[in-house]
């Protein structure tokens, strides 16, 4: 859901609001809490790495 919300934020630039960005951040926070229970997978680039990347992108966007 975090990636879907992020994609909506990027794609619908005419109707996007800060609330859309906040939704992506909330979904990401919930996802990370669940993924942290399982821990990092053996492969680099797994779900937690993707979550880290998305969090960095969201933080960059918040600074604008």
PDB file of N, CA and C in Angstrom:
ATOM      1  N   UNK A   1       0.824  -1.192   0.000  1.00  0.00           N
ATOM      2  CA  UNK A   1       0.000   0.000   0.000  1.00  0.00           C
ATOM      3  C   UNK A   1       0.865   1.252   0.000  1.00  0.00           C
ATOM      4  N   UNK A   2       2.006   1.191   0.663  1.00  0.00           N
ATOM      5  CA  UNK A   2       2.894   2.363   0.708  1.00  0.00           C
ATOM      6  C   UNK A   2       3.361   2.732  -0.698  1.00  0.00           C
ATOM      7  N   UNK A   3       3.720   1.728  -1.489  1.00  0.00           N
ATOM      8  CA  UNK A   3       4.181   1.996  -2.854  1.00  0.00           C
ATOM      9  C   UNK A   3       3.041   2.525  -3.723  1.00  0.00           C
ATOM     10  N   UNK A   4       1.846   2.020  -3.524  1.00  0.00           N
ATOM     11  CA  UNK A   4       0.683   2.498  -4.284  1.00  0.00           C
ATOM     12  C   UNK A   4       0.420   3.964  -3.950  1.00  0.00           C
ATOM     13  N   UNK A   5       0.444   4.295  -2.672  1.00  0.00           N
ATOM     14  CA  UNK A   5       0.219   5.683  -2.256  1.00  0.00           C
ATOM     15  C   UNK A   5       1.326   6.599  -2.789  1.00  0.00           C
ATOM     16  N   UNK A   6       2.562   6.130  -2.767  1.00  0.00           N
ATOM     17  CA  UNK A   6       3.689   6.909  -3.296  1.00  0.00           C
ATOM     18  C   UNK A   6       3.515   7.139  -4.794  1.00  0.00           C
ATOM     19  N   UNK A   7       3.151   6.079  -5.525  1.00  0.00           N
ATOM     20  CA  UNK A   7       2.947   6.221  -6.966  1.00  0.00           C
ATOM     21  C   UNK A   7       1.821   7.198  -7.283  1.00  0.00           C
ATOM     22  N   UNK A   8       0.754   7.155  -6.502  1.00  0.00           N
ATOM     23  CA  UNK A   8      -0.343   8.110  -6.693  1.00  0.00           C
ATOM     24  C   UNK A   8       0.155   9.523  -6.452  1.00  0.00           C
ATOM     25  N   UNK A   9       0.939   9.699  -5.421  1.00  0.00           N
ATOM     26  CA  UNK A   9       1.485  11.020  -5.100  1.00  0.00           C
ATOM     27  C   UNK A   9       2.303  11.558  -6.271  1.00  0.00           C
ATOM     28  N   UNK A  10       3.100  10.704  -6.884  1.00  0.00           N
ATOM     29  CA  UNK A  10       3.947  11.136  -7.998  1.00  0.00           C
ATOM     30  C   UNK A  10       3.171  11.344  -9.292  1.00  0.00           C
ATOM     31  N   UNK A  11       2.187  10.494  -9.533  1.00  0.00           N
ATOM     32  CA  UNK A  11       1.500  10.499 -10.823  1.00  0.00           C
ATOM     33  C   UNK A  11       0.437  11.581 -10.931  1.00  0.00           C
ATOM     34  N   UNK A  12      -0.354  11.754  -9.907  1.00  0.00           N
ATOM     35  CA  UNK A  12      -1.471  12.706  -9.951  1.00  0.00           C
ATOM     36  C   UNK A  12      -1.043  14.063  -9.415  1.00  0.00           C
ATOM     37  N   UNK A  13      -0.082  14.687 -10.075  1.00  0.00           N
ATOM     38  CA  UNK A  13       0.499  15.928  -9.552  1.00  0.00           C
ATOM     39  C   UNK A  13      -0.503  17.071  -9.449  1.00  0.00           C
ATOM     40  N   UNK A  14      -1.539  17.067 -10.272  1.00  0.00           N
ATOM     41  CA  UNK A  14      -2.519  18.157 -10.220  1.00  0.00           C
ATOM     42  C   UNK A  14      -3.445  18.045  -9.014  1.00  0.00           C
ATOM     43  N   UNK A  15      -3.654  16.848  -8.529  1.00  0.00           N
ATOM     44  CA  UNK A  15      -4.582  16.653  -7.408  1.00  0.00           C
ATOM     45  C   UNK A  15      -3.887  16.200  -6.127  1.00  0.00           C
ATOM     46  N   UNK A  16      -2.573  16.072  -6.172  1.00  0.00           N
ATOM     47  CA  UNK A  16      -1.827  15.567  -5.025  1.00  0.00           C
ATOM     48  C   UNK A  16      -1.776  16.602  -3.906  1.00  0.00           C
ATOM     49  N   UNK A  17      -1.885  16.091  -2.679  1.00  0.00           N
ATOM     50  CA  UNK A  17      -1.766  16.953  -1.500  1.00  0.00           C
ATOM     51  C   UNK A  17      -0.724  16.357  -0.553  1.00  0.00           C
ATOM     52  N   UNK A  18      -0.373  17.119   0.449  1.00  0.00           N
ATOM     53  CA  UNK A  18       0.546  16.613   1.484  1.00  0.00           C
ATOM     54  C   UNK A  18      -0.069  15.428   2.218  1.00  0.00           C
ATOM     55  N   UNK A  19      -1.382  15.378   2.274  1.00  0.00           N
ATOM     56  CA  UNK A  19      -2.053  14.245   2.919  1.00  0.00           C
ATOM     57  C   UNK A  19      -1.748  12.943   2.182  1.00  0.00           C
ATOM     58  N   UNK A  20      -1.619  13.013   0.855  1.00  0.00           N
ATOM     59  CA  UNK A  20      -1.274  11.820   0.080  1.00  0.00           C
ATOM     60  C   UNK A  20       0.119  11.339   0.452  1.00  0.00           C
ATOM     61  N   UNK A  21       1.034  12.272   0.623  1.00  0.00           N
ATOM     62  CA  UNK A  21       2.387  11.912   1.037  1.00  0.00           C
ATOM     63  C   UNK A  21       2.381  11.328   2.451  1.00  0.00           C
ATOM     64  N   UNK A  22       1.590  11.921   3.309  1.00  0.00           N
ATOM     65  CA  UNK A  22       1.483  11.417   4.682  1.00  0.00           C
ATOM     66  C   UNK A  22       0.887  10.012   4.701  1.00  0.00           C
ATOM     67  N   UNK A  23      -0.070   9.736   3.810  1.00  0.00           N
ATOM     68  CA  UNK A  23      -0.650   8.390   3.717  1.00  0.00           C
ATOM     69  C   UNK A  23       0.428   7.374   3.356  1.00  0.00           C
ATOM     70  N   UNK A  24       1.271   7.715   2.397  1.00  0.00           N
ATOM     71  CA  UNK A  24       2.356   6.810   2.008  1.00  0.00           C
ATOM     72  C   UNK A  24       3.273   6.543   3.189  1.00  0.00           C
ATOM     73  N   UNK A  25       3.556   7.576   3.957  1.00  0.00           N
ATOM     74  CA  UNK A  25       4.435   7.432   5.118  1.00  0.00           C
ATOM     75  C   UNK A  25       3.798   6.549   6.194  1.00  0.00           C
ATOM     76  N   UNK A  26       2.517   6.706   6.406  1.00  0.00           N
ATOM     77  CA  UNK A  26       1.805   5.890   7.402  1.00  0.00           C
ATOM     78  C   UNK A  26       1.800   4.425   6.983  1.00  0.00           C
ATOM     79  N   UNK A  27       1.456   4.165   5.725  1.00  0.00           N
ATOM     80  CA  UNK A  27       1.470   2.784   5.228  1.00  0.00           C
ATOM     81  C   UNK A  27       2.869   2.181   5.351  1.00  0.00           C
ATOM     82  N   UNK A  28       3.874   2.971   5.045  1.00  0.00           N
ATOM     83  CA  UNK A  28       5.249   2.481   5.133  1.00  0.00           C
ATOM     84  C   UNK A  28       5.624   2.155   6.572  1.00  0.00           C
ATOM     85  N   UNK A  29       5.216   2.991   7.495  1.00  0.00           N
ATOM     86  CA  UNK A  29       5.503   2.755   8.917  1.00  0.00           C
ATOM     87  C   UNK A  29       4.884   1.437   9.380  1.00  0.00           C
ATOM     88  N   UNK A  30       3.639   1.209   8.998  1.00  0.00           N
ATOM     89  CA  UNK A  30       2.955  -0.035   9.381  1.00  0.00           C
ATOM     90  C   UNK A  30       3.656  -1.236   8.737  1.00  0.00           C
ATOM     91  N   UNK A  31       3.999  -1.105   7.459  1.00  0.00           N
ATOM     92  CA  UNK A  31       4.687  -2.198   6.759  1.00  0.00           C
ATOM     93  C   UNK A  31       6.010  -2.533   7.417  1.00  0.00           C
ATOM     94  N   UNK A  32       6.757  -1.501   7.791  1.00  0.00           N
ATOM     95  CA  UNK A  32       8.066  -1.724   8.413  1.00  0.00           C
ATOM     96  C   UNK A  32       7.920  -2.446   9.747  1.00  0.00           C
ATOM     97  N   UNK A  33       6.894  -2.098  10.504  1.00  0.00           N
ATOM     98  CA  UNK A  33       6.680  -2.768  11.788  1.00  0.00           C
ATOM     99  C   UNK A  33       6.453  -4.259  11.574  1.00  0.00           C
ATOM    100  N   UNK A  34       5.709  -4.606  10.554  1.00  0.00           N
ATOM    101  CA  UNK A  34       5.455  -6.017  10.258  1.00  0.00           C
ATOM    102  C   UNK A  34       6.728  -6.692   9.759  1.00  0.00           C
ATOM    103  N   UNK A  35       7.420  -6.046   8.813  1.00  0.00           N
ATOM    104  CA  UNK A  35       8.630  -6.637   8.241  1.00  0.00           C
ATOM    105  C   UNK A  35       9.748  -6.776   9.266  1.00  0.00           C
ATOM    106  N   UNK A  36       9.801  -5.868  10.232  1.00  0.00           N
ATOM    107  CA  UNK A  36      10.830  -5.954  11.271  1.00  0.00           C
ATOM    108  C   UNK A  36      10.699  -7.224  12.104  1.00  0.00           C
ATOM    109  N   UNK A  37       9.480  -7.751  12.215  1.00  0.00           N
ATOM    110  CA  UNK A  37       9.268  -8.996  12.949  1.00  0.00           C
ATOM    111  C   UNK A  37       9.988 -10.141  12.239  1.00  0.00           C
ATOM    112  N   UNK A  38       9.933 -10.144  10.913  1.00  0.00           N
ATOM    113  CA  UNK A  38      10.560 -11.202  10.122  1.00  0.00           C
ATOM    114  C   UNK A  38      12.053 -10.976   9.924  1.00  0.00           C
ATOM    115  N   UNK A  39      12.476  -9.738   9.962  1.00  0.00           N
ATOM    116  CA  UNK A  39      13.891  -9.426   9.764  1.00  0.00           C
ATOM    117  C   UNK A  39      14.257  -9.372   8.291  1.00  0.00           C
ATOM    118  N   UNK A  40      15.509  -9.062   8.042  1.00  0.00           N
ATOM    119  CA  UNK A  40      16.003  -8.963   6.666  1.00  0.00           C
ATOM    120  C   UNK A  40      16.065 -10.341   6.034  1.00  0.00           C
ATOM    121  N   UNK A  41      15.710 -10.385   4.777  1.00  0.00           N
ATOM    122  CA  UNK A  41      15.815 -11.634   4.036  1.00  0.00           C
ATOM    123  C   UNK A  41      17.255 -11.805   3.584  1.00  0.00           C
ATOM    124  N   UNK A  42      17.591 -12.994   3.123  1.00  0.00           N
ATOM    125  CA  UNK A  42      18.953 -13.277   2.706  1.00  0.00           C
ATOM    126  C   UNK A  42      19.426 -12.449   1.517  1.00  0.00           C
ATOM    127  N   UNK A  43      18.516 -12.130   0.626  1.00  0.00           N
ATOM    128  CA  UNK A  43      18.891 -11.380  -0.571  1.00  0.00           C
ATOM    129  C   UNK A  43      18.957  -9.891  -0.264  1.00  0.00           C
ATOM    130  N   UNK A  44      19.996  -9.249  -0.826  1.00  0.00           N
ATOM    131  CA  UNK A  44      20.004  -7.793  -0.725  1.00  0.00           C
ATOM    132  C   UNK A  44      18.923  -7.263  -1.657  1.00  0.00           C
ATOM    133  N   UNK A  45      18.382  -6.137  -1.304  1.00  0.00           N
ATOM    134  CA  UNK A  45      17.302  -5.582  -2.110  1.00  0.00           C
ATOM    135  C   UNK A  45      15.942  -6.145  -1.752  1.00  0.00           C
ATOM    136  N   UNK A  46      15.851  -6.810  -0.605  1.00  0.00           N
ATOM    137  CA  UNK A  46      14.578  -7.375  -0.161  1.00  0.00           C
ATOM    138  C   UNK A  46      13.612  -6.289   0.300  1.00  0.00           C
ATOM    139  N   UNK A  47      12.490  -6.698   0.866  1.00  0.00           N
ATOM    140  CA  UNK A  47      11.450  -5.754   1.265  1.00  0.00           C
ATOM    141  C   UNK A  47      11.921  -4.659   2.229  1.00  0.00           C
ATOM    142  N   UNK A  48      12.775  -4.995   3.186  1.00  0.00           N
ATOM    143  CA  UNK A  48      13.242  -3.953   4.109  1.00  0.00           C
ATOM    144  C   UNK A  48      14.147  -2.950   3.410  1.00  0.00           C
ATOM    145  N   UNK A  49      14.948  -3.409   2.471  1.00  0.00           N
ATOM    146  CA  UNK A  49      15.775  -2.487   1.693  1.00  0.00           C
ATOM    147  C   UNK A  49      14.899  -1.569   0.840  1.00  0.00           C
ATOM    148  N   UNK A  50      13.860  -2.135   0.255  1.00  0.00           N
ATOM    149  CA  UNK A  50      12.926  -1.325  -0.528  1.00  0.00           C
ATOM    150  C   UNK A  50      12.225  -0.300   0.358  1.00  0.00           C
ATOM    151  N   UNK A  51      11.870  -0.697   1.564  1.00  0.00           N
ATOM    152  CA  UNK A  51      11.235   0.223   2.505  1.00  0.00           C
ATOM    153  C   UNK A  51      12.191   1.350   2.874  1.00  0.00           C
ATOM    154  N   UNK A  52      13.465   1.029   3.069  1.00  0.00           N
ATOM    155  CA  UNK A  52      14.467   2.066   3.369  1.00  0.00           C
ATOM    156  C   UNK A  52      14.572   3.068   2.226  1.00  0.00           C
ATOM    157  N   UNK A  53      14.569   2.559   1.006  1.00  0.00           N
ATOM    158  CA  UNK A  53      14.654   3.427  -0.173  1.00  0.00           C
ATOM    159  C   UNK A  53      13.434   4.331  -0.259  1.00  0.00           C
ATOM    160  N   UNK A  54      12.259   3.758  -0.069  1.00  0.00           N
ATOM    161  CA  UNK A  54      11.032   4.540  -0.140  1.00  0.00           C
ATOM    162  C   UNK A  54      10.991   5.592   0.966  1.00  0.00           C
ATOM    163  N   UNK A  55      11.433   5.236   2.155  1.00  0.00           N
ATOM    164  CA  UNK A  55      11.468   6.198   3.251  1.00  0.00           C
ATOM    165  C   UNK A  55      12.377   7.377   2.905  1.00  0.00           C
ATOM    166  N   UNK A  56      13.520   7.086   2.293  1.00  0.00           N
ATOM    167  CA  UNK A  56      14.421   8.155   1.878  1.00  0.00           C
ATOM    168  C   UNK A  56      13.768   9.081   0.860  1.00  0.00           C
ATOM    169  N   UNK A  57      13.037   8.511  -0.084  1.00  0.00           N
ATOM    170  CA  UNK A  57      12.345   9.316  -1.092  1.00  0.00           C
ATOM    171  C   UNK A  57      11.256  10.184  -0.461  1.00  0.00           C
ATOM    172  N   UNK A  58      10.516   9.606   0.473  1.00  0.00           N
ATOM    173  CA  UNK A  58       9.463  10.361   1.151  1.00  0.00           C
ATOM    174  C   UNK A  58      10.077  11.506   1.945  1.00  0.00           C
ATOM    175  N   UNK A  59      11.158  11.253   2.653  1.00  0.00           N
ATOM    176  CA  UNK A  59      11.806  12.310   3.435  1.00  0.00           C
ATOM    177  C   UNK A  59      12.325  13.432   2.538  1.00  0.00           C
ATOM    178  N   UNK A  60      12.867  13.060   1.386  1.00  0.00           N
ATOM    179  CA  UNK A  60      13.316  14.078   0.425  1.00  0.00           C
ATOM    180  C   UNK A  60      12.159  14.958  -0.004  1.00  0.00           C
ATOM    181  N   UNK A  61      11.040  14.330  -0.313  1.00  0.00           N
ATOM    182  CA  UNK A  61       9.870  15.059  -0.767  1.00  0.00           C
ATOM    183  C   UNK A  61       9.317  15.962   0.335  1.00  0.00           C
ATOM    184  N   UNK A  62       9.396  15.525   1.568  1.00  0.00           N
ATOM    185  CA  UNK A  62       8.914  16.332   2.697  1.00  0.00           C
ATOM    186  C   UNK A  62       9.733  17.608   2.859  1.00  0.00           C
ATOM    187  N   UNK A  63      10.987  17.563   2.443  1.00  0.00           N
ATOM    188  CA  UNK A  63      11.864  18.727   2.585  1.00  0.00           C
ATOM    189  C   UNK A  63      11.562  19.818   1.561  1.00  0.00           C
ATOM    190  N   UNK A  64      10.818  19.480   0.522  1.00  0.00           N
ATOM    191  CA  UNK A  64      10.510  20.449  -0.538  1.00  0.00           C
ATOM    192  C   UNK A  64       9.477  21.433  -0.104  1.00  0.00           C
TER     193      UNK A  64
END
